[in-house]
């Protein structure tokens, strides 16, 4: 249609009002279709990015929750180890032990700690 108008405008005759109206209506229709198509593509891309960000956010929130739980467990275990260490230091300072008895006591204590961790 546009080419027809261009060709006619170069000739001596002017396009009729009906032809101009048809050209404007068609141009408006094409513009709307292309605009709607581009708008729809942009909306889909925004939706994709939004859901990708939501997924990342949820993963991060999950990671923070897991890390928080692990940190609390680690702090509790460190407190437990500190109490045990104090107990062992007091026990060893009160009792004289031979090297063999000391090694047996250390192995027994380590096994006790490992078993208590698995149970907790």
PDB file of N, CA and C in Angstrom:
ATOM      1  N   UNK A   1       0.818  -1.185   0.000  1.00  0.00           N
ATOM      2  CA  UNK A   1       0.000   0.000   0.000  1.00  0.00           C
ATOM      3  C   UNK A   1       0.867   1.256   0.000  1.00  0.00           C
ATOM      4  N   UNK A   2       1.947   1.214   0.845  1.00  0.00           N
ATOM      5  CA  UNK A   2       2.822   2.371   0.924  1.00  0.00           C
ATOM      6  C   UNK A   2       3.537   2.587  -0.394  1.00  0.00           C
ATOM      7  N   UNK A   3       3.954   1.503  -1.018  1.00  0.00           N
ATOM      8  CA  UNK A   3       4.619   1.627  -2.318  1.00  0.00           C
ATOM      9  C   UNK A   3       3.675   2.190  -3.360  1.00  0.00           C
ATOM     10  N   UNK A   4       2.442   1.756  -3.293  1.00  0.00           N
ATOM     11  CA  UNK A   4       1.456   2.269  -4.252  1.00  0.00           C
ATOM     12  C   UNK A   4       1.271   3.765  -4.054  1.00  0.00           C
ATOM     13  N   UNK A   5       1.235   4.217  -2.806  1.00  0.00           N
ATOM     14  CA  UNK A   5       1.071   5.652  -2.549  1.00  0.00           C
ATOM     15  C   UNK A   5       2.296   6.412  -3.026  1.00  0.00           C
ATOM     16  N   UNK A   6       3.468   5.867  -2.779  1.00  0.00           N
ATOM     17  CA  UNK A   6       4.699   6.523  -3.212  1.00  0.00           C
ATOM     18  C   UNK A   6       4.751   6.619  -4.731  1.00  0.00           C
ATOM     19  N   UNK A   7       4.383   5.527  -5.375  1.00  0.00           N
ATOM     20  CA  UNK A   7       4.403   5.530  -6.839  1.00  0.00           C
ATOM     21  C   UNK A   7       3.399   6.544  -7.387  1.00  0.00           C
ATOM     22  N   UNK A   8       2.233   6.587  -6.781  1.00  0.00           N
ATOM     23  CA  UNK A   8       1.207   7.505  -7.267  1.00  0.00           C
ATOM     24  C   UNK A   8       1.575   8.953  -6.976  1.00  0.00           C
ATOM     25  N   UNK A   9       2.220   9.165  -5.814  1.00  0.00           N
ATOM     26  CA  UNK A   9       2.558  10.544  -5.491  1.00  0.00           C
ATOM     27  C   UNK A   9       3.619  11.083  -6.441  1.00  0.00           C
ATOM     28  N   UNK A  10       4.387  10.189  -7.011  1.00  0.00           N
ATOM     29  CA  UNK A  10       5.391  10.659  -7.961  1.00  0.00           C
ATOM     30  C   UNK A  10       4.768  10.965  -9.321  1.00  0.00           C
ATOM     31  N   UNK A  11       3.622  10.377  -9.563  1.00  0.00           N
ATOM     32  CA  UNK A  11       2.938  10.687 -10.820  1.00  0.00           C
ATOM     33  C   UNK A  11       2.128  11.976 -10.661  1.00  0.00           C
ATOM     34  N   UNK A  12       1.493  12.347 -11.702  1.00  0.00           N
ATOM     35  CA  UNK A  12       0.776  13.625 -11.717  1.00  0.00           C
ATOM     36  C   UNK A  12      -0.525  13.579 -10.932  1.00  0.00           C
ATOM     37  N   UNK A  13      -1.129  12.378 -10.714  1.00  0.00           N
ATOM     38  CA  UNK A  13      -2.426  12.318 -10.034  1.00  0.00           C
ATOM     39  C   UNK A  13      -2.253  12.190  -8.541  1.00  0.00           C
ATOM     40  N   UNK A  14      -3.109  12.806  -7.798  1.00  0.00           N
ATOM     41  CA  UNK A  14      -3.118  12.731  -6.340  1.00  0.00           C
ATOM     42  C   UNK A  14      -3.957  11.522  -5.918  1.00  0.00           C
ATOM     43  N   UNK A  15      -3.605  10.851  -4.774  1.00  0.00           N
ATOM     44  CA  UNK A  15      -4.443   9.745  -4.304  1.00  0.00           C
ATOM     45  C   UNK A  15      -5.776  10.288  -3.788  1.00  0.00           C
ATOM     46  N   UNK A  16      -6.772   9.476  -3.926  1.00  0.00           N
ATOM     47  CA  UNK A  16      -8.096   9.903  -3.458  1.00  0.00           C
ATOM     48  C   UNK A  16      -8.152   9.847  -1.933  1.00  0.00           C
ATOM     49  N   UNK A  17      -9.169  10.484  -1.387  1.00  0.00           N
ATOM     50  CA  UNK A  17      -9.361  10.495   0.065  1.00  0.00           C
ATOM     51  C   UNK A  17      -9.597   9.082   0.584  1.00  0.00           C
ATOM     52  N   UNK A  18     -10.313   8.267  -0.193  1.00  0.00           N
ATOM     53  CA  UNK A  18     -10.584   6.875   0.188  1.00  0.00           C
ATOM     54  C   UNK A  18      -9.276   6.091   0.280  1.00  0.00           C
ATOM     55  N   UNK A  19      -8.372   6.287  -0.700  1.00  0.00           N
ATOM     56  CA  UNK A  19      -7.090   5.588  -0.703  1.00  0.00           C
ATOM     57  C   UNK A  19      -6.225   6.045   0.486  1.00  0.00           C
ATOM     58  N   UNK A  20      -6.249   7.332   0.778  1.00  0.00           N
ATOM     59  CA  UNK A  20      -5.496   7.846   1.931  1.00  0.00           C
ATOM     60  C   UNK A  20      -6.036   7.257   3.231  1.00  0.00           C
ATOM     61  N   UNK A  21      -7.359   7.189   3.347  1.00  0.00           N
ATOM     62  CA  UNK A  21      -7.972   6.618   4.540  1.00  0.00           C
ATOM     63  C   UNK A  21      -7.606   5.149   4.681  1.00  0.00           C
ATOM     64  N   UNK A  22      -7.667   4.393   3.577  1.00  0.00           N
ATOM     65  CA  UNK A  22      -7.292   2.979   3.611  1.00  0.00           C
ATOM     66  C   UNK A  22      -5.822   2.814   4.025  1.00  0.00           C
ATOM     67  N   UNK A  23      -4.967   3.689   3.499  1.00  0.00           N
ATOM     68  CA  UNK A  23      -3.550   3.627   3.839  1.00  0.00           C
ATOM     69  C   UNK A  23      -3.326   3.894   5.336  1.00  0.00           C
ATOM     70  N   UNK A  24      -4.023   4.902   5.865  1.00  0.00           N
ATOM     71  CA  UNK A  24      -3.879   5.228   7.286  1.00  0.00           C
ATOM     72  C   UNK A  24      -4.434   4.099   8.153  1.00  0.00           C
ATOM     73  N   UNK A  25      -5.586   3.551   7.770  1.00  0.00           N
ATOM     74  CA  UNK A  25      -6.191   2.460   8.536  1.00  0.00           C
ATOM     75  C   UNK A  25      -5.266   1.244   8.531  1.00  0.00           C
ATOM     76  N   UNK A  26      -4.732   0.911   7.364  1.00  0.00           N
ATOM     77  CA  UNK A  26      -3.828  -0.251   7.259  1.00  0.00           C
ATOM     78  C   UNK A  26      -2.538  -0.011   8.048  1.00  0.00           C
ATOM     79  N   UNK A  27      -1.975   1.182   7.948  1.00  0.00           N
ATOM     80  CA  UNK A  27      -0.751   1.496   8.689  1.00  0.00           C
ATOM     81  C   UNK A  27      -1.012   1.409  10.197  1.00  0.00           C
ATOM     82  N   UNK A  28      -2.174   1.907  10.630  1.00  0.00           N
ATOM     83  CA  UNK A  28      -2.528   1.836  12.050  1.00  0.00           C
ATOM     84  C   UNK A  28      -2.678   0.390  12.497  1.00  0.00           C
ATOM     85  N   UNK A  29      -3.304  -0.433  11.670  1.00  0.00           N
ATOM     86  CA  UNK A  29      -3.503  -1.844  11.991  1.00  0.00           C
ATOM     87  C   UNK A  29      -2.161  -2.559  12.111  1.00  0.00           C
ATOM     88  N   UNK A  30      -1.265  -2.336  11.149  1.00  0.00           N
ATOM     89  CA  UNK A  30       0.065  -2.966  11.182  1.00  0.00           C
ATOM     90  C   UNK A  30       0.844  -2.495  12.411  1.00  0.00           C
ATOM     91  N   UNK A  31       0.774  -1.195  12.662  1.00  0.00           N
ATOM     92  CA  UNK A  31       1.468  -0.648  13.827  1.00  0.00           C
ATOM     93  C   UNK A  31       0.961  -1.282  15.112  1.00  0.00           C
ATOM     94  N   UNK A  32      -0.370  -1.398  15.251  1.00  0.00           N
ATOM     95  CA  UNK A  32      -0.942  -2.009  16.456  1.00  0.00           C
ATOM     96  C   UNK A  32      -0.525  -3.462  16.595  1.00  0.00           C
ATOM     97  N   UNK A  33      -0.587  -4.222  15.493  1.00  0.00           N
ATOM     98  CA  UNK A  33      -0.200  -5.636  15.537  1.00  0.00           C
ATOM     99  C   UNK A  33       1.263  -5.784  15.951  1.00  0.00           C
ATOM    100  N   UNK A  34       2.135  -4.987  15.352  1.00  0.00           N
ATOM    101  CA  UNK A  34       3.555  -5.056  15.692  1.00  0.00           C
ATOM    102  C   UNK A  34       3.792  -4.588  17.125  1.00  0.00           C
ATOM    103  N   UNK A  35       3.095  -3.537  17.533  1.00  0.00           N
ATOM    104  CA  UNK A  35       3.236  -3.015  18.882  1.00  0.00           C
ATOM    105  C   UNK A  35       2.790  -4.055  19.901  1.00  0.00           C
ATOM    106  N   UNK A  36       1.636  -4.672  19.635  1.00  0.00           N
ATOM    107  CA  UNK A  36       1.115  -5.696  20.540  1.00  0.00           C
ATOM    108  C   UNK A  36       2.066  -6.882  20.593  1.00  0.00           C
ATOM    109  N   UNK A  37       2.600  -7.271  19.445  1.00  0.00           N
ATOM    110  CA  UNK A  37       3.543  -8.390  19.394  1.00  0.00           C
ATOM    111  C   UNK A  37       4.806  -8.058  20.205  1.00  0.00           C
ATOM    112  N   UNK A  38       5.364  -6.878  20.021  1.00  0.00           N
ATOM    113  CA  UNK A  38       6.556  -6.465  20.772  1.00  0.00           C
ATOM    114  C   UNK A  38       6.239  -6.359  22.263  1.00  0.00           C
ATOM    115  N   UNK A  39       5.067  -5.823  22.575  1.00  0.00           N
ATOM    116  CA  UNK A  39       4.652  -5.711  23.967  1.00  0.00           C
ATOM    117  C   UNK A  39       4.543  -7.096  24.598  1.00  0.00           C
ATOM    118  N   UNK A  40       3.959  -8.038  23.882  1.00  0.00           N
ATOM    119  CA  UNK A  40       3.808  -9.410  24.383  1.00  0.00           C
ATOM    120  C   UNK A  40       5.171 -10.066  24.590  1.00  0.00           C
ATOM    121  N   UNK A  41       6.095  -9.854  23.653  1.00  0.00           N
ATOM    122  CA  UNK A  41       7.449 -10.398  23.805  1.00  0.00           C
ATOM    123  C   UNK A  41       8.141  -9.800  25.032  1.00  0.00           C
ATOM    124  N   UNK A  42       7.980  -8.509  25.228  1.00  0.00           N
ATOM    125  CA  UNK A  42       8.585  -7.844  26.388  1.00  0.00           C
ATOM    126  C   UNK A  42       7.969  -8.369  27.681  1.00  0.00           C
ATOM    127  N   UNK A  43       6.647  -8.556  27.682  1.00  0.00           N
ATOM    128  CA  UNK A  43       5.969  -9.081  28.872  1.00  0.00           C
ATOM    129  C   UNK A  43       6.461 -10.480  29.202  1.00  0.00           C
ATOM    130  N   UNK A  44       6.622 -11.333  28.183  1.00  0.00           N
ATOM    131  CA  UNK A  44       7.118 -12.689  28.402  1.00  0.00           C
ATOM    132  C   UNK A  44       8.548 -12.676  28.944  1.00  0.00           C
ATOM    133  N   UNK A  45       9.382 -11.803  28.414  1.00  0.00           N
ATOM    134  CA  UNK A  45      10.765 -11.703  28.887  1.00  0.00           C
ATOM    135  C   UNK A  45      10.815 -11.213  30.332  1.00  0.00           C
ATOM    136  N   UNK A  46       9.979 -10.240  30.662  1.00  0.00           N
ATOM    137  CA  UNK A  46       9.914  -9.748  32.046  1.00  0.00           C
ATOM    138  C   UNK A  46       9.443 -10.868  32.972  1.00  0.00           C
ATOM    139  N   UNK A  47       8.456 -11.640  32.535  1.00  0.00           N
ATOM    140  CA  UNK A  47       7.959 -12.754  33.345  1.00  0.00           C
ATOM    141  C   UNK A  47       9.056 -13.797  33.546  1.00  0.00           C
ATOM    142  N   UNK A  48       9.795 -14.114  32.478  1.00  0.00           N
ATOM    143  CA  UNK A  48      10.898 -15.077  32.596  1.00  0.00           C
ATOM    144  C   UNK A  48      11.934 -14.596  33.607  1.00  0.00           C
ATOM    145  N   UNK A  49      12.318 -13.346  33.499  1.00  0.00           N
ATOM    146  CA  UNK A  49      13.322 -12.789  34.416  1.00  0.00           C
ATOM    147  C   UNK A  49      12.798 -12.744  35.853  1.00  0.00           C
ATOM    148  N   UNK A  50      11.519 -12.389  35.991  1.00  0.00           N
ATOM    149  CA  UNK A  50      10.915 -12.336  37.317  1.00  0.00           C
ATOM    150  C   UNK A  50      10.951 -13.711  37.974  1.00  0.00           C
ATOM    151  N   UNK A  51      10.507 -14.739  37.247  1.00  0.00           N
ATOM    152  CA  UNK A  51      10.484 -16.077  37.835  1.00  0.00           C
ATOM    153  C   UNK A  51      11.892 -16.604  38.084  1.00  0.00           C
ATOM    154  N   UNK A  52      12.839 -16.230  37.245  1.00  0.00           N
ATOM    155  CA  UNK A  52      14.233 -16.613  37.473  1.00  0.00           C
ATOM    156  C   UNK A  52      14.741 -15.969  38.763  1.00  0.00           C
ATOM    157  N   UNK A  53      14.426 -14.685  38.951  1.00  0.00           N
ATOM    158  CA  UNK A  53      14.846 -13.992  40.177  1.00  0.00           C
ATOM    159  C   UNK A  53      14.161 -14.565  41.415  1.00  0.00           C
ATOM    160  N   UNK A  54      12.883 -14.896  41.277  1.00  0.00           N
ATOM    161  CA  UNK A  54      12.167 -15.508  42.410  1.00  0.00           C
ATOM    162  C   UNK A  54      12.822 -16.836  42.768  1.00  0.00           C
ATOM    163  N   UNK A  55      13.183 -17.617  41.755  1.00  0.00           N
ATOM    164  CA  UNK A  55      13.857 -18.893  42.014  1.00  0.00           C
ATOM    165  C   UNK A  55      15.180 -18.701  42.721  1.00  0.00           C
ATOM    166  N   UNK A  56      15.952 -17.723  42.268  1.00  0.00           N
ATOM    167  CA  UNK A  56      17.235 -17.432  42.907  1.00  0.00           C
ATOM    168  C   UNK A  56      17.012 -16.975  44.342  1.00  0.00           C
ATOM    169  N   UNK A  57      16.022 -16.110  44.536  1.00  0.00           N
ATOM    170  CA  UNK A  57      15.719 -15.606  45.883  1.00  0.00           C
ATOM    171  C   UNK A  57      15.339 -16.754  46.806  1.00  0.00           C
ATOM    172  N   UNK A  58      14.472 -17.667  46.331  1.00  0.00           N
ATOM    173  CA  UNK A  58      14.048 -18.779  47.172  1.00  0.00           C
ATOM    174  C   UNK A  58      15.209 -19.696  47.498  1.00  0.00           C
ATOM    175  N   UNK A  59      16.088 -19.923  46.518  1.00  0.00           N
ATOM    176  CA  UNK A  59      17.278 -20.746  46.775  1.00  0.00           C
ATOM    177  C   UNK A  59      18.157 -20.083  47.826  1.00  0.00           C
ATOM    178  N   UNK A  60      18.321 -18.780  47.715  1.00  0.00           N
ATOM    179  CA  UNK A  60      19.140 -18.057  48.694  1.00  0.00           C
ATOM    180  C   UNK A  60      18.510 -18.128  50.074  1.00  0.00           C
ATOM    181  N   UNK A  61      17.192 -17.968  50.136  1.00  0.00           N
ATOM    182  CA  UNK A  61      16.505 -18.049  51.417  1.00  0.00           C
ATOM    183  C   UNK A  61      16.688 -19.434  52.025  1.00  0.00           C
ATOM    184  N   UNK A  62      16.580 -20.478  51.179  1.00  0.00           N
ATOM    185  CA  UNK A  62      16.774 -21.843  51.647  1.00  0.00           C
ATOM    186  C   UNK A  62      18.196 -22.013  52.151  1.00  0.00           C
ATOM    187  N   UNK A  63      19.178 -21.499  51.406  1.00  0.00           N
ATOM    188  CA  UNK A  63      20.577 -21.596  51.810  1.00  0.00           C
ATOM    189  C   UNK A  63      20.806 -20.880  53.137  1.00  0.00           C
ATOM    190  N   UNK A  64      20.204 -19.711  53.308  1.00  0.00           N
ATOM    191  CA  UNK A  64      20.360 -18.965  54.559  1.00  0.00           C
ATOM    192  C   UNK A  64      19.775 -19.766  55.721  1.00  0.00           C
ATOM    193  N   UNK A  65      18.619 -20.381  55.493  1.00  0.00           N
ATOM    194  CA  UNK A  65      17.999 -21.172  56.552  1.00  0.00           C
ATOM    195  C   UNK A  65      18.876 -22.369  56.913  1.00  0.00           C
ATOM    196  N   UNK A  66      19.400 -23.044  55.906  1.00  0.00           N
ATOM    197  CA  UNK A  66      20.262 -24.203  56.151  1.00  0.00           C
ATOM    198  C   UNK A  66      21.533 -23.770  56.870  1.00  0.00           C
ATOM    199  N   UNK A  67      22.132 -22.691  56.412  1.00  0.00           N
ATOM    200  CA  UNK A  67      23.364 -22.203  57.030  1.00  0.00           C
ATOM    201  C   UNK A  67      23.101 -21.792  58.480  1.00  0.00           C
ATOM    202  N   UNK A  68      21.958 -21.167  58.735  1.00  0.00           N
ATOM    203  CA  UNK A  68      21.610 -20.766  60.098  1.00  0.00           C
ATOM    204  C   UNK A  68      21.486 -21.980  61.007  1.00  0.00           C
ATOM    205  N   UNK A  69      20.799 -23.008  60.532  1.00  0.00           N
ATOM    206  CA  UNK A  69      20.642 -24.233  61.327  1.00  0.00           C
ATOM    207  C   UNK A  69      22.006 -24.869  61.580  1.00  0.00           C
ATOM    208  N   UNK A  70      22.836 -24.939  60.536  1.00  0.00           N
ATOM    209  CA  UNK A  70      24.163 -25.527  60.708  1.00  0.00           C
ATOM    210  C   UNK A  70      25.020 -24.709  61.668  1.00  0.00           C
ATOM    211  N   UNK A  71      24.902 -23.388  61.597  1.00  0.00           N
ATOM    212  CA  UNK A  71      25.672 -22.531  62.508  1.00  0.00           C
ATOM    213  C   UNK A  71      25.249 -22.756  63.952  1.00  0.00           C
ATOM    214  N   UNK A  72      23.958 -22.883  64.194  1.00  0.00           N
ATOM    215  CA  UNK A  72      23.470 -23.137  65.551  1.00  0.00           C
ATOM    216  C   UNK A  72      23.979 -24.486  66.044  1.00  0.00           C
ATOM    217  N   UNK A  73      23.921 -25.503  65.182  1.00  0.00           N
ATOM    218  CA  UNK A  73      24.423 -26.826  65.570  1.00  0.00           C
ATOM    219  C   UNK A  73      25.916 -26.780  65.852  1.00  0.00           C
ATOM    220  N   UNK A  74      26.649 -26.036  65.026  1.00  0.00           N
ATOM    221  CA  UNK A  74      28.088 -25.920  65.233  1.00  0.00           C
ATOM    222  C   UNK A  74      28.395 -25.206  66.551  1.00  0.00           C
ATOM    223  N   UNK A  75      27.679 -24.144  66.851  1.00  0.00           N
ATOM    224  CA  UNK A  75      27.886 -23.442  68.121  1.00  0.00           C
ATOM    225  C   UNK A  75      27.578 -24.348  69.316  1.00  0.00           C
ATOM    226  N   UNK A  76      26.494 -25.112  69.210  1.00  0.00           N
ATOM    227  CA  UNK A  76      26.167 -26.046  70.291  1.00  0.00           C
ATOM    228  C   UNK A  76      27.257 -27.097  70.451  1.00  0.00           C
ATOM    229  N   UNK A  77      27.772 -27.596  69.336  1.00  0.00           N
ATOM    230  CA  UNK A  77      28.844 -28.593  69.401  1.00  0.00           C
ATOM    231  C   UNK A  77      30.108 -27.976  70.004  1.00  0.00           C
ATOM    232  N   UNK A  78      30.411 -26.714  69.654  1.00  0.00           N
ATOM    233  CA  UNK A  78      31.589 -26.059  70.215  1.00  0.00           C
ATOM    234  C   UNK A  78      31.442 -25.885  71.729  1.00  0.00           C
ATOM    235  N   UNK A  79      30.243 -25.540  72.175  1.00  0.00           N
ATOM    236  CA  UNK A  79      30.004 -25.445  73.623  1.00  0.00           C
ATOM    237  C   UNK A  79      30.200 -26.800  74.295  1.00  0.00           C
ATOM    238  N   UNK A  80      29.661 -27.839  73.653  1.00  0.00           N
ATOM    239  CA  UNK A  80      29.803 -29.192  74.164  1.00  0.00           C
ATOM    240  C   UNK A  80      31.288 -29.566  74.262  1.00  0.00           C
ATOM    241  N   UNK A  81      32.053 -29.249  73.219  1.00  0.00           N
ATOM    242  CA  UNK A  81      33.485 -29.567  73.219  1.00  0.00           C
ATOM    243  C   UNK A  81      34.224 -28.782  74.306  1.00  0.00           C
ATOM    244  N   UNK A  82      33.846 -27.543  74.520  1.00  0.00           N
ATOM    245  CA  UNK A  82      34.493 -26.732  75.546  1.00  0.00           C
ATOM    246  C   UNK A  82      34.237 -27.333  76.938  1.00  0.00           C
ATOM    247  N   UNK A  83      33.012 -27.762  77.177  1.00  0.00           N
ATOM    248  CA  UNK A  83      32.680 -28.388  78.460  1.00  0.00           C
ATOM    249  C   UNK A  83      33.475 -29.680  78.626  1.00  0.00           C
ATOM    250  N   UNK A  84      33.530 -30.489  77.565  1.00  0.00           N
ATOM    251  CA  UNK A  84      34.289 -31.749  77.608  1.00  0.00           C
ATOM    252  C   UNK A  84      35.767 -31.489  77.851  1.00  0.00           C
ATOM    253  N   UNK A  85      36.303 -30.497  77.157  1.00  0.00           N
ATOM    254  CA  UNK A  85      37.718 -30.177  77.310  1.00  0.00           C
ATOM    255  C   UNK A  85      38.023 -29.765  78.746  1.00  0.00           C
ATOM    256  N   UNK A  86      37.171 -28.933  79.310  1.00  0.00           N
ATOM    257  CA  UNK A  86      37.360 -28.539  80.712  1.00  0.00           C
ATOM    258  C   UNK A  86      37.301 -29.752  81.636  1.00  0.00           C
ATOM    259  N   UNK A  87      36.362 -30.640  81.361  1.00  0.00           N
ATOM    260  CA  UNK A  87      36.245 -31.862  82.166  1.00  0.00           C
ATOM    261  C   UNK A  87      37.518 -32.696  82.066  1.00  0.00           C
ATOM    262  N   UNK A  88      38.013 -32.900  80.842  1.00  0.00           N
ATOM    263  CA  UNK A  88      39.218 -33.716  80.652  1.00  0.00           C
ATOM    264  C   UNK A  88      40.433 -33.067  81.298  1.00  0.00           C
ATOM    265  N   UNK A  89      40.540 -31.754  81.184  1.00  0.00           N
ATOM    266  CA  UNK A  89      41.679 -31.073  81.805  1.00  0.00           C
ATOM    267  C   UNK A  89      41.637 -31.222  83.321  1.00  0.00           C
ATOM    268  N   UNK A  90      40.465 -31.073  83.918  1.00  0.00           N
ATOM    269  CA  UNK A  90      40.336 -31.260  85.366  1.00  0.00           C
ATOM    270  C   UNK A  90      40.625 -32.703  85.758  1.00  0.00           C
ATOM    271  N   UNK A  91      40.088 -33.633  84.956  1.00  0.00           N
ATOM    272  CA  UNK A  91      40.291 -35.051  85.247  1.00  0.00           C
ATOM    273  C   UNK A  91      41.764 -35.398  85.201  1.00  0.00           C
ATOM    274  N   UNK A  92      42.468 -34.925  84.154  1.00  0.00           N
ATOM    275  CA  UNK A  92      43.889 -35.239  84.010  1.00  0.00           C
ATOM    276  C   UNK A  92      44.726 -34.546  85.078  1.00  0.00           C
ATOM    277  N   UNK A  93      44.333 -33.370  85.481  1.00  0.00           N
ATOM    278  CA  UNK A  93      45.106 -32.677  86.520  1.00  0.00           C
ATOM    279  C   UNK A  93      44.936 -33.365  87.880  1.00  0.00           C
ATOM    280  N   UNK A  94      43.779 -33.998  88.126  1.00  0.00           N
ATOM    281  CA  UNK A  94      43.532 -34.673  89.392  1.00  0.00           C
ATOM    282  C   UNK A  94      44.161 -36.062  89.449  1.00  0.00           C
ATOM    283  N   UNK A  95      44.273 -36.715  88.299  1.00  0.00           N
ATOM    284  CA  UNK A  95      44.757 -38.094  88.275  1.00  0.00           C
ATOM    285  C   UNK A  95      46.073 -38.178  87.522  1.00  0.00           C
ATOM    286  N   UNK A  96      47.004 -38.888  88.121  1.00  0.00           N
ATOM    287  CA  UNK A  96      48.243 -39.179  87.401  1.00  0.00           C
ATOM    288  C   UNK A  96      47.983 -40.415  86.568  1.00  0.00           C
ATOM    289  N   UNK A  97      48.330 -40.323  85.289  1.00  0.00           N
ATOM    290  CA  UNK A  97      48.084 -41.471  84.410  1.00  0.00           C
ATOM    291  C   UNK A  97      49.356 -41.815  83.671  1.00  0.00           C
ATOM    292  N   UNK A  98      49.527 -43.094  83.394  1.00  0.00           N
ATOM    293  CA  UNK A  98      50.641 -43.496  82.538  1.00  0.00           C
ATOM    294  C   UNK A  98      50.271 -43.158  81.106  1.00  0.00           C
ATOM    295  N   UNK A  99      51.229 -43.159  80.210  1.00  0.00           N
ATOM    296  CA  UNK A  99      50.957 -42.844  78.804  1.00  0.00           C
ATOM    297  C   UNK A  99      49.942 -43.799  78.198  1.00  0.00           C
ATOM    298  N   UNK A 100      50.040 -45.092  78.526  1.00  0.00           N
ATOM    299  CA  UNK A 100      49.108 -46.085  77.969  1.00  0.00           C
ATOM    300  C   UNK A 100      47.686 -45.787  78.435  1.00  0.00           C
ATOM    301  N   UNK A 101      47.524 -45.506  79.721  1.00  0.00           N
ATOM    302  CA  UNK A 101      46.195 -45.188  80.249  1.00  0.00           C
ATOM    303  C   UNK A 101      45.658 -43.879  79.656  1.00  0.00           C
ATOM    304  N   UNK A 102      46.571 -42.932  79.429  1.00  0.00           N
ATOM    305  CA  UNK A 102      46.154 -41.658  78.843  1.00  0.00           C
ATOM    306  C   UNK A 102      45.632 -41.848  77.417  1.00  0.00           C
ATOM    307  N   UNK A 103      46.319 -42.676  76.623  1.00  0.00           N
ATOM    308  CA  UNK A 103      45.890 -42.954  75.245  1.00  0.00           C
ATOM    309  C   UNK A 103      44.537 -43.667  75.260  1.00  0.00           C
ATOM    310  N   UNK A 104      44.383 -44.670  76.132  1.00  0.00           N
ATOM    311  CA  UNK A 104      43.102 -45.393  76.217  1.00  0.00           C
ATOM    312  C   UNK A 104      41.968 -44.438  76.611  1.00  0.00           C
ATOM    313  N   UNK A 105      42.247 -43.561  77.562  1.00  0.00           N
ATOM    314  CA  UNK A 105      41.251 -42.589  78.003  1.00  0.00           C
ATOM    315  C   UNK A 105      40.878 -41.640  76.863  1.00  0.00           C
ATOM    316  N   UNK A 106      41.873 -41.189  76.090  1.00  0.00           N
ATOM    317  CA  UNK A 106      41.623 -40.270  74.971  1.00  0.00           C
ATOM    318  C   UNK A 106      40.781 -40.951  73.894  1.00  0.00           C
ATOM    319  N   UNK A 107      41.099 -42.207  73.569  1.00  0.00           N
ATOM    320  CA  UNK A 107      40.327 -42.938  72.549  1.00  0.00           C
ATOM    321  C   UNK A 107      38.891 -43.129  73.029  1.00  0.00           C
ATOM    322  N   UNK A 108      38.737 -43.525  74.281  1.00  0.00           N
ATOM    323  CA  UNK A 108      37.392 -43.703  74.826  1.00  0.00           C
ATOM    324  C   UNK A 108      36.608 -42.387  74.779  1.00  0.00           C
ATOM    325  N   UNK A 109      37.257 -41.311  75.137  1.00  0.00           N
ATOM    326  CA  UNK A 109      36.603 -39.999  75.135  1.00  0.00           C
ATOM    327  C   UNK A 109      36.201 -39.585  73.725  1.00  0.00           C
ATOM    328  N   UNK A 110      37.087 -39.835  72.746  1.00  0.00           N
ATOM    329  CA  UNK A 110      36.786 -39.478  71.359  1.00  0.00           C
ATOM    330  C   UNK A 110      35.586 -40.262  70.852  1.00  0.00           C
ATOM    331  N   UNK A 111      35.557 -41.572  71.138  1.00  0.00           N
ATOM    332  CA  UNK A 111      34.431 -42.412  70.705  1.00  0.00           C
ATOM    333  C   UNK A 111      33.151 -41.930  71.362  1.00  0.00           C
ATOM    334  N   UNK A 112      33.212 -41.554  72.602  1.00  0.00           N
ATOM    335  CA  UNK A 112      32.030 -41.050  73.306  1.00  0.00           C
ATOM    336  C   UNK A 112      31.511 -39.773  72.650  1.00  0.00           C
ATOM    337  N   UNK A 113      32.431 -38.877  72.273  1.00  0.00           N
ATOM    338  CA  UNK A 113      32.028 -37.630  71.626  1.00  0.00           C
ATOM    339  C   UNK A 113      31.397 -37.906  70.269  1.00  0.00           C
ATOM    340  N   UNK A 114      32.002 -38.780  69.469  1.00  0.00           N
ATOM    341  CA  UNK A 114      31.480 -39.095  68.127  1.00  0.00           C
ATOM    342  C   UNK A 114      30.089 -39.731  68.242  1.00  0.00           C
ATOM    343  N   UNK A 115      29.922 -40.656  69.178  1.00  0.00           N
ATOM    344  CA  UNK A 115      28.611 -41.297  69.355  1.00  0.00           C
ATOM    345  C   UNK A 115      27.576 -40.270  69.802  1.00  0.00           C
ATOM    346  N   UNK A 116      27.956 -39.373  70.698  1.00  0.00           N
ATOM    347  CA  UNK A 116      26.998 -38.354  71.165  1.00  0.00           C
ATOM    348  C   UNK A 116      26.620 -37.385  70.059  1.00  0.00           C
ATOM    349  N   UNK A 117      27.530 -37.115  69.117  1.00  0.00           N
ATOM    350  CA  UNK A 117      27.219 -36.232  67.974  1.00  0.00           C
ATOM    351  C   UNK A 117      26.213 -36.925  67.064  1.00  0.00           C
ATOM    352  N   UNK A 118      26.427 -38.181  66.764  1.00  0.00           N
ATOM    353  CA  UNK A 118      25.517 -38.906  65.864  1.00  0.00           C
ATOM    354  C   UNK A 118      24.130 -39.044  66.473  1.00  0.00           C
ATOM    355  N   UNK A 119      24.068 -39.194  67.774  1.00  0.00           N
ATOM    356  CA  UNK A 119      22.770 -39.312  68.438  1.00  0.00           C
ATOM    357  C   UNK A 119      22.053 -37.975  68.439  1.00  0.00           C
ATOM    358  N   UNK A 120      22.781 -36.902  68.659  1.00  0.00           N
ATOM    359  CA  UNK A 120      22.169 -35.566  68.691  1.00  0.00           C
ATOM    360  C   UNK A 120      21.818 -35.189  67.313  1.00  0.00           C
TER     361      UNK A 120
END
